[in-house]
């Protein structure tokens, strides 16, 4: 979770490259621009959405990661 969180924070958006990191949420391409580390554990496979509300809680290999801000990538579905 920390590795993904740091990757999202490291893409600052220069030279036409958008801020954030490209990833997939339930198979839908997304630009993820803000995440938050959480101190929880969940017995779920990586990539599982554990909670959906104003934010998403997604299980990573080691722990869940809260996705605070994201948007569908151009050409991707908007069902996020």
PDB file of N, CA and C in Angstrom:
ATOM      1  N   UNK A   1       0.825  -1.190   0.000  1.00  0.00           N
ATOM      2  CA  UNK A   1       0.000   0.000   0.000  1.00  0.00           C
ATOM      3  C   UNK A   1       0.877   1.264   0.000  1.00  0.00           C
ATOM      4  N   UNK A   2       1.922   1.229   0.799  1.00  0.00           N
ATOM      5  CA  UNK A   2       2.805   2.409   0.871  1.00  0.00           C
ATOM      6  C   UNK A   2       3.480   2.674  -0.473  1.00  0.00           C
ATOM      7  N   UNK A   3       3.879   1.632  -1.177  1.00  0.00           N
ATOM      8  CA  UNK A   3       4.534   1.804  -2.474  1.00  0.00           C
ATOM      9  C   UNK A   3       3.589   2.484  -3.475  1.00  0.00           C
ATOM     10  N   UNK A   4       2.342   2.074  -3.505  1.00  0.00           N
ATOM     11  CA  UNK A   4       1.365   2.703  -4.401  1.00  0.00           C
ATOM     12  C   UNK A   4       1.099   4.136  -3.963  1.00  0.00           C
ATOM     13  N   UNK A   5       0.935   4.350  -2.663  1.00  0.00           N
ATOM     14  CA  UNK A   5       0.709   5.687  -2.121  1.00  0.00           C
ATOM     15  C   UNK A   5       1.840   6.631  -2.536  1.00  0.00           C
ATOM     16  N   UNK A   6       3.086   6.172  -2.411  1.00  0.00           N
ATOM     17  CA  UNK A   6       4.232   7.003  -2.791  1.00  0.00           C
ATOM     18  C   UNK A   6       4.276   7.245  -4.294  1.00  0.00           C
ATOM     19  N   UNK A   7       3.878   6.259  -5.079  1.00  0.00           N
ATOM     20  CA  UNK A   7       3.855   6.448  -6.530  1.00  0.00           C
ATOM     21  C   UNK A   7       2.843   7.525  -6.910  1.00  0.00           C
ATOM     22  N   UNK A   8       1.667   7.497  -6.306  1.00  0.00           N
ATOM     23  CA  UNK A   8       0.647   8.522  -6.581  1.00  0.00           C
ATOM     24  C   UNK A   8       1.183   9.899  -6.205  1.00  0.00           C
ATOM     25  N   UNK A   9       1.832  10.007  -5.068  1.00  0.00           N
ATOM     26  CA  UNK A   9       2.373  11.298  -4.616  1.00  0.00           C
ATOM     27  C   UNK A   9       3.516  11.785  -5.483  1.00  0.00           C
ATOM     28  N   UNK A  10       4.278  10.868  -6.096  1.00  0.00           N
ATOM     29  CA  UNK A  10       5.468  11.270  -6.845  1.00  0.00           C
ATOM     30  C   UNK A  10       5.147  11.861  -8.212  1.00  0.00           C
ATOM     31  N   UNK A  11       4.011  11.560  -8.791  1.00  0.00           N
ATOM     32  CA  UNK A  11       3.662  12.098 -10.114  1.00  0.00           C
ATOM     33  C   UNK A  11       3.060  13.477  -9.926  1.00  0.00           C
ATOM     34  N   UNK A  12       3.866  14.510 -10.094  1.00  0.00           N
ATOM     35  CA  UNK A  12       3.445  15.876  -9.782  1.00  0.00           C
ATOM     36  C   UNK A  12       2.833  16.626 -10.948  1.00  0.00           C
ATOM     37  N   UNK A  13       2.840  16.036 -12.130  1.00  0.00           N
ATOM     38  CA  UNK A  13       2.192  16.663 -13.278  1.00  0.00           C
ATOM     39  C   UNK A  13       3.027  17.749 -13.928  1.00  0.00           C
ATOM     40  N   UNK A  14       3.948  17.377 -14.791  1.00  0.00           N
ATOM     41  CA  UNK A  14       4.762  18.328 -15.532  1.00  0.00           C
ATOM     42  C   UNK A  14       4.775  17.948 -17.003  1.00  0.00           C
ATOM     43  N   UNK A  15       5.016  18.927 -17.857  1.00  0.00           N
ATOM     44  CA  UNK A  15       5.164  18.716 -19.298  1.00  0.00           C
ATOM     45  C   UNK A  15       4.014  17.927 -19.910  1.00  0.00           C
ATOM     46  N   UNK A  16       2.808  18.273 -19.547  1.00  0.00           N
ATOM     47  CA  UNK A  16       1.641  17.641 -20.141  1.00  0.00           C
ATOM     48  C   UNK A  16       1.269  16.299 -19.542  1.00  0.00           C
ATOM     49  N   UNK A  17       2.056  15.798 -18.614  1.00  0.00           N
ATOM     50  CA  UNK A  17       1.721  14.549 -17.930  1.00  0.00           C
ATOM     51  C   UNK A  17       0.859  14.912 -16.727  1.00  0.00           C
ATOM     52  N   UNK A  18      -0.322  14.297 -16.599  1.00  0.00           N
ATOM     53  CA  UNK A  18      -1.201  14.678 -15.496  1.00  0.00           C
ATOM     54  C   UNK A  18      -0.641  14.269 -14.133  1.00  0.00           C
ATOM     55  N   UNK A  19      -1.048  15.000 -13.111  1.00  0.00           N
ATOM     56  CA  UNK A  19      -0.699  14.669 -11.735  1.00  0.00           C
ATOM     57  C   UNK A  19      -1.362  13.355 -11.371  1.00  0.00           C
ATOM     58  N   UNK A  20      -0.693  12.526 -10.598  1.00  0.00           N
ATOM     59  CA  UNK A  20      -1.262  11.271 -10.149  1.00  0.00           C
ATOM     60  C   UNK A  20      -0.673  10.087 -10.880  1.00  0.00           C
ATOM     61  N   UNK A  21      -1.256   8.925 -10.642  1.00  0.00           N
ATOM     62  CA  UNK A  21      -0.777   7.690 -11.254  1.00  0.00           C
ATOM     63  C   UNK A  21      -1.943   6.981 -11.928  1.00  0.00           C
ATOM     64  N   UNK A  22      -1.650   6.318 -13.020  1.00  0.00           N
ATOM     65  CA  UNK A  22      -2.665   5.555 -13.730  1.00  0.00           C
ATOM     66  C   UNK A  22      -2.751   4.169 -13.093  1.00  0.00           C
ATOM     67  N   UNK A  23      -3.959   3.731 -12.837  1.00  0.00           N
ATOM     68  CA  UNK A  23      -4.181   2.405 -12.286  1.00  0.00           C
ATOM     69  C   UNK A  23      -5.520   1.892 -12.746  1.00  0.00           C
ATOM     70  N   UNK A  24      -5.942   0.786 -12.199  1.00  0.00           N
ATOM     71  CA  UNK A  24      -7.250   0.227 -12.506  1.00  0.00           C
ATOM     72  C   UNK A  24      -8.018   0.022 -11.218  1.00  0.00           C
ATOM     73  N   UNK A  25      -9.288   0.372 -11.255  1.00  0.00           N
ATOM     74  CA  UNK A  25     -10.189   0.111 -10.144  1.00  0.00           C
ATOM     75  C   UNK A  25     -11.299  -0.758 -10.700  1.00  0.00           C
ATOM     76  N   UNK A  26     -11.341  -1.993 -10.244  1.00  0.00           N
ATOM     77  CA  UNK A  26     -12.297  -2.981 -10.742  1.00  0.00           C
ATOM     78  C   UNK A  26     -12.257  -3.087 -12.265  1.00  0.00           C
ATOM     79  N   UNK A  27     -11.041  -3.064 -12.820  1.00  0.00           N
ATOM     80  CA  UNK A  27     -10.860  -3.221 -14.253  1.00  0.00           C
ATOM     81  C   UNK A  27     -11.060  -1.970 -15.077  1.00  0.00           C
ATOM     82  N   UNK A  28     -11.395  -0.849 -14.440  1.00  0.00           N
ATOM     83  CA  UNK A  28     -11.625   0.410 -15.147  1.00  0.00           C
ATOM     84  C   UNK A  28     -10.386   1.293 -14.987  1.00  0.00           C
ATOM     85  N   UNK A  29      -9.770   1.746 -16.102  1.00  0.00           N
ATOM     86  CA  UNK A  29      -8.605   2.630 -15.994  1.00  0.00           C
ATOM     87  C   UNK A  29      -8.968   3.929 -15.269  1.00  0.00           C
ATOM     88  N   UNK A  30      -8.084   4.352 -14.354  1.00  0.00           N
ATOM     89  CA  UNK A  30      -8.360   5.547 -13.569  1.00  0.00           C
ATOM     90  C   UNK A  30      -7.074   6.321 -13.319  1.00  0.00           C
ATOM     91  N   UNK A  31      -7.213   7.634 -13.233  1.00  0.00           N
ATOM     92  CA  UNK A  31      -6.133   8.505 -12.810  1.00  0.00           C
ATOM     93  C   UNK A  31      -6.335   8.735 -11.316  1.00  0.00           C
ATOM     94  N   UNK A  32      -5.435   8.227 -10.509  1.00  0.00           N
ATOM     95  CA  UNK A  32      -5.545   8.309  -9.049  1.00  0.00           C
ATOM     96  C   UNK A  32      -4.647   9.442  -8.586  1.00  0.00           C
ATOM     97  N   UNK A  33      -5.249  10.454  -7.956  1.00  0.00           N
ATOM     98  CA  UNK A  33      -4.490  11.651  -7.600  1.00  0.00           C
ATOM     99  C   UNK A  33      -4.332  11.871  -6.095  1.00  0.00           C
ATOM    100  N   UNK A  34      -5.046  11.134  -5.279  1.00  0.00           N
ATOM    101  CA  UNK A  34      -4.868  11.286  -3.824  1.00  0.00           C
ATOM    102  C   UNK A  34      -5.228   9.976  -3.142  1.00  0.00           C
ATOM    103  N   UNK A  35      -4.321   9.503  -2.291  1.00  0.00           N
ATOM    104  CA  UNK A  35      -4.556   8.298  -1.506  1.00  0.00           C
ATOM    105  C   UNK A  35      -4.222   8.565  -0.048  1.00  0.00           C
ATOM    106  N   UNK A  36      -4.640   7.654   0.800  1.00  0.00           N
ATOM    107  CA  UNK A  36      -4.343   7.777   2.231  1.00  0.00           C
ATOM    108  C   UNK A  36      -4.040   6.375   2.765  1.00  0.00           C
ATOM    109  N   UNK A  37      -2.947   6.244   3.490  1.00  0.00           N
ATOM    110  CA  UNK A  37      -2.627   4.975   4.128  1.00  0.00           C
ATOM    111  C   UNK A  37      -3.559   4.777   5.316  1.00  0.00           C
ATOM    112  N   UNK A  38      -4.017   3.551   5.518  1.00  0.00           N
ATOM    113  CA  UNK A  38      -4.886   3.237   6.653  1.00  0.00           C
ATOM    114  C   UNK A  38      -4.253   2.112   7.460  1.00  0.00           C
ATOM    115  N   UNK A  39      -4.551   2.100   8.727  1.00  0.00           N
ATOM    116  CA  UNK A  39      -4.012   1.091   9.621  1.00  0.00           C
ATOM    117  C   UNK A  39      -5.095   0.050   9.893  1.00  0.00           C
ATOM    118  N   UNK A  40      -5.328  -0.789   8.911  1.00  0.00           N
ATOM    119  CA  UNK A  40      -6.338  -1.835   9.017  1.00  0.00           C
ATOM    120  C   UNK A  40      -5.785  -3.081   8.352  1.00  0.00           C
ATOM    121  N   UNK A  41      -6.478  -4.172   8.541  1.00  0.00           N
ATOM    122  CA  UNK A  41      -6.154  -5.376   7.783  1.00  0.00           C
ATOM    123  C   UNK A  41      -7.462  -6.012   7.355  1.00  0.00           C
ATOM    124  N   UNK A  42      -7.418  -6.681   6.230  1.00  0.00           N
ATOM    125  CA  UNK A  42      -8.611  -7.322   5.702  1.00  0.00           C
ATOM    126  C   UNK A  42      -8.198  -8.593   4.979  1.00  0.00           C
ATOM    127  N   UNK A  43      -8.905  -9.679   5.216  1.00  0.00           N
ATOM    128  CA  UNK A  43      -8.574 -10.929   4.519  1.00  0.00           C
ATOM    129  C   UNK A  43      -9.226 -10.980   3.143  1.00  0.00           C
ATOM    130  N   UNK A  44      -8.697 -10.199   2.215  1.00  0.00           N
ATOM    131  CA  UNK A  44      -9.267 -10.147   0.869  1.00  0.00           C
ATOM    132  C   UNK A  44      -8.129 -10.148  -0.146  1.00  0.00           C
ATOM    133  N   UNK A  45      -8.391 -10.647  -1.358  1.00  0.00           N
ATOM    134  CA  UNK A  45      -7.345 -10.629  -2.385  1.00  0.00           C
ATOM    135  C   UNK A  45      -7.010  -9.194  -2.813  1.00  0.00           C
ATOM    136  N   UNK A  46      -5.774  -8.942  -3.220  1.00  0.00           N
ATOM    137  CA  UNK A  46      -5.402  -7.607  -3.711  1.00  0.00           C
ATOM    138  C   UNK A  46      -6.322  -7.165  -4.848  1.00  0.00           C
ATOM    139  N   UNK A  47      -6.689  -5.894  -4.818  1.00  0.00           N
ATOM    140  CA  UNK A  47      -7.568  -5.328  -5.838  1.00  0.00           C
ATOM    141  C   UNK A  47      -9.030  -5.322  -5.448  1.00  0.00           C
ATOM    142  N   UNK A  48      -9.381  -5.980  -4.354  1.00  0.00           N
ATOM    143  CA  UNK A  48     -10.773  -6.017  -3.898  1.00  0.00           C
ATOM    144  C   UNK A  48     -11.170  -4.666  -3.313  1.00  0.00           C
ATOM    145  N   UNK A  49     -12.302  -4.117  -3.757  1.00  0.00           N
ATOM    146  CA  UNK A  49     -12.838  -2.887  -3.165  1.00  0.00           C
ATOM    147  C   UNK A  49     -13.562  -3.299  -1.885  1.00  0.00           C
ATOM    148  N   UNK A  50     -13.024  -2.870  -0.742  1.00  0.00           N
ATOM    149  CA  UNK A  50     -13.578  -3.239   0.556  1.00  0.00           C
ATOM    150  C   UNK A  50     -14.705  -2.321   0.988  1.00  0.00           C
ATOM    151  N   UNK A  51     -14.641  -1.064   0.544  1.00  0.00           N
ATOM    152  CA  UNK A  51     -15.668  -0.079   0.904  1.00  0.00           C
ATOM    153  C   UNK A  51     -15.771   0.929  -0.226  1.00  0.00           C
ATOM    154  N   UNK A  52     -17.004   1.290  -0.546  1.00  0.00           N
ATOM    155  CA  UNK A  52     -17.262   2.282  -1.589  1.00  0.00           C
ATOM    156  C   UNK A  52     -18.169   3.352  -0.985  1.00  0.00           C
ATOM    157  N   UNK A  53     -17.719   4.582  -1.038  1.00  0.00           N
ATOM    158  CA  UNK A  53     -18.481   5.731  -0.552  1.00  0.00           C
ATOM    159  C   UNK A  53     -17.905   6.963  -1.229  1.00  0.00           C
ATOM    160  N   UNK A  54     -17.686   8.024  -0.459  1.00  0.00           N
ATOM    161  CA  UNK A  54     -17.003   9.194  -1.031  1.00  0.00           C
ATOM    162  C   UNK A  54     -15.572   8.842  -1.409  1.00  0.00           C
ATOM    163  N   UNK A  55     -15.012   7.864  -0.713  1.00  0.00           N
ATOM    164  CA  UNK A  55     -13.691   7.335  -1.034  1.00  0.00           C
ATOM    165  C   UNK A  55     -13.832   5.832  -1.260  1.00  0.00           C
ATOM    166  N   UNK A  56     -12.770   5.232  -1.768  1.00  0.00           N
ATOM    167  CA  UNK A  56     -12.748   3.783  -1.952  1.00  0.00           C
ATOM    168  C   UNK A  56     -11.667   3.203  -1.053  1.00  0.00           C
ATOM    169  N   UNK A  57     -11.939   2.064  -0.465  1.00  0.00           N
ATOM    170  CA  UNK A  57     -10.941   1.342   0.303  1.00  0.00           C
ATOM    171  C   UNK A  57     -10.620   0.080  -0.488  1.00  0.00           C
ATOM    172  N   UNK A  58      -9.378  -0.019  -0.966  1.00  0.00           N
ATOM    173  CA  UNK A  58      -8.975  -1.107  -1.846  1.00  0.00           C
ATOM    174  C   UNK A  58      -7.876  -1.912  -1.171  1.00  0.00           C
ATOM    175  N   UNK A  59      -8.029  -3.230  -1.187  1.00  0.00           N
ATOM    176  CA  UNK A  59      -7.023  -4.103  -0.600  1.00  0.00           C
ATOM    177  C   UNK A  59      -5.800  -4.169  -1.511  1.00  0.00           C
ATOM    178  N   UNK A  60      -4.623  -3.915  -0.942  1.00  0.00           N
ATOM    179  CA  UNK A  60      -3.358  -4.102  -1.646  1.00  0.00           C
ATOM    180  C   UNK A  60      -2.760  -5.427  -1.163  1.00  0.00           C
ATOM    181  N   UNK A  61      -1.568  -5.765  -1.599  1.00  0.00           N
ATOM    182  CA  UNK A  61      -0.955  -7.030  -1.200  1.00  0.00           C
ATOM    183  C   UNK A  61      -0.722  -7.095   0.306  1.00  0.00           C
ATOM    184  N   UNK A  62      -0.373  -5.949   0.921  1.00  0.00           N
ATOM    185  CA  UNK A  62      -0.029  -5.968   2.339  1.00  0.00           C
ATOM    186  C   UNK A  62      -1.110  -5.389   3.249  1.00  0.00           C
ATOM    187  N   UNK A  63      -1.826  -4.384   2.803  1.00  0.00           N
ATOM    188  CA  UNK A  63      -2.857  -3.747   3.619  1.00  0.00           C
ATOM    189  C   UNK A  63      -3.766  -2.926   2.708  1.00  0.00           C
ATOM    190  N   UNK A  64      -4.905  -2.478   3.215  1.00  0.00           N
ATOM    191  CA  UNK A  64      -5.788  -1.644   2.386  1.00  0.00           C
ATOM    192  C   UNK A  64      -5.210  -0.246   2.166  1.00  0.00           C
ATOM    193  N   UNK A  65      -5.656   0.383   1.083  1.00  0.00           N
ATOM    194  CA  UNK A  65      -5.286   1.754   0.745  1.00  0.00           C
ATOM    195  C   UNK A  65      -6.569   2.508   0.441  1.00  0.00           C
ATOM    196  N   UNK A  66      -6.729   3.675   1.034  1.00  0.00           N
ATOM    197  CA  UNK A  66      -7.901   4.499   0.756  1.00  0.00           C
ATOM    198  C   UNK A  66      -7.612   5.374  -0.457  1.00  0.00           C
ATOM    199  N   UNK A  67      -8.465   5.295  -1.458  1.00  0.00           N
ATOM    200  CA  UNK A  67      -8.349   6.145  -2.640  1.00  0.00           C
ATOM    201  C   UNK A  67      -9.296   7.308  -2.440  1.00  0.00           C
ATOM    202  N   UNK A  68      -8.722   8.468  -2.232  1.00  0.00           N
ATOM    203  CA  UNK A  68      -9.480   9.655  -1.851  1.00  0.00           C
ATOM    204  C   UNK A  68      -9.987  10.414  -3.078  1.00  0.00           C
ATOM    205  N   UNK A  69      -9.140  10.518  -4.109  1.00  0.00           N
ATOM    206  CA  UNK A  69      -9.538  11.273  -5.304  1.00  0.00           C
ATOM    207  C   UNK A  69      -9.051  10.540  -6.544  1.00  0.00           C
ATOM    208  N   UNK A  70      -9.947  10.373  -7.506  1.00  0.00           N
ATOM    209  CA  UNK A  70      -9.633   9.692  -8.758  1.00  0.00           C
ATOM    210  C   UNK A  70     -10.632  10.121  -9.813  1.00  0.00           C
ATOM    211  N   UNK A  71     -10.305   9.802 -11.051  1.00  0.00           N
ATOM    212  CA  UNK A  71     -11.225  10.070 -12.159  1.00  0.00           C
ATOM    213  C   UNK A  71     -10.971   9.039 -13.241  1.00  0.00           C
ATOM    214  N   UNK A  72     -12.002   8.685 -14.008  1.00  0.00           N
ATOM    215  CA  UNK A  72     -11.789   7.731 -15.099  1.00  0.00           C
ATOM    216  C   UNK A  72     -10.822   8.303 -16.121  1.00  0.00           C
ATOM    217  N   UNK A  73     -10.045   7.443 -16.732  1.00  0.00           N
ATOM    218  CA  UNK A  73      -9.130   7.841 -17.784  1.00  0.00           C
ATOM    219  C   UNK A  73      -9.919   7.960 -19.078  1.00  0.00           C
ATOM    220  N   UNK A  74      -9.583   8.952 -19.882  1.00  0.00           N
ATOM    221  CA  UNK A  74     -10.225   9.161 -21.179  1.00  0.00           C
ATOM    222  C   UNK A  74     -10.303   7.847 -21.941  1.00  0.00           C
ATOM    223  N   UNK A  75     -11.495   7.499 -22.385  1.00  0.00           N
ATOM    224  CA  UNK A  75     -11.688   6.253 -23.113  1.00  0.00           C
ATOM    225  C   UNK A  75     -12.089   5.104 -22.204  1.00  0.00           C
ATOM    226  N   UNK A  76     -11.908   5.266 -20.874  1.00  0.00           N
ATOM    227  CA  UNK A  76     -12.318   4.227 -19.927  1.00  0.00           C
ATOM    228  C   UNK A  76     -13.771   4.419 -19.560  1.00  0.00           C
ATOM    229  N   UNK A  77     -14.372   3.422 -18.950  1.00  0.00           N
ATOM    230  CA  UNK A  77     -15.750   3.534 -18.508  1.00  0.00           C
ATOM    231  C   UNK A  77     -15.846   4.525 -17.362  1.00  0.00           C
ATOM    232  N   UNK A  78     -17.007   5.113 -17.166  1.00  0.00           N
ATOM    233  CA  UNK A  78     -17.173   6.093 -16.088  1.00  0.00           C
ATOM    234  C   UNK A  78     -17.994   5.518 -14.946  1.00  0.00           C
ATOM    235  N   UNK A  79     -17.974   4.205 -14.762  1.00  0.00           N
ATOM    236  CA  UNK A  79     -18.789   3.559 -13.733  1.00  0.00           C
ATOM    237  C   UNK A  79     -18.091   3.498 -12.375  1.00  0.00           C
ATOM    238  N   UNK A  80     -17.029   4.294 -12.183  1.00  0.00           N
ATOM    239  CA  UNK A  80     -16.340   4.288 -10.904  1.00  0.00           C
ATOM    240  C   UNK A  80     -17.226   4.918  -9.867  1.00  0.00           C
TER     241      UNK A  80
END
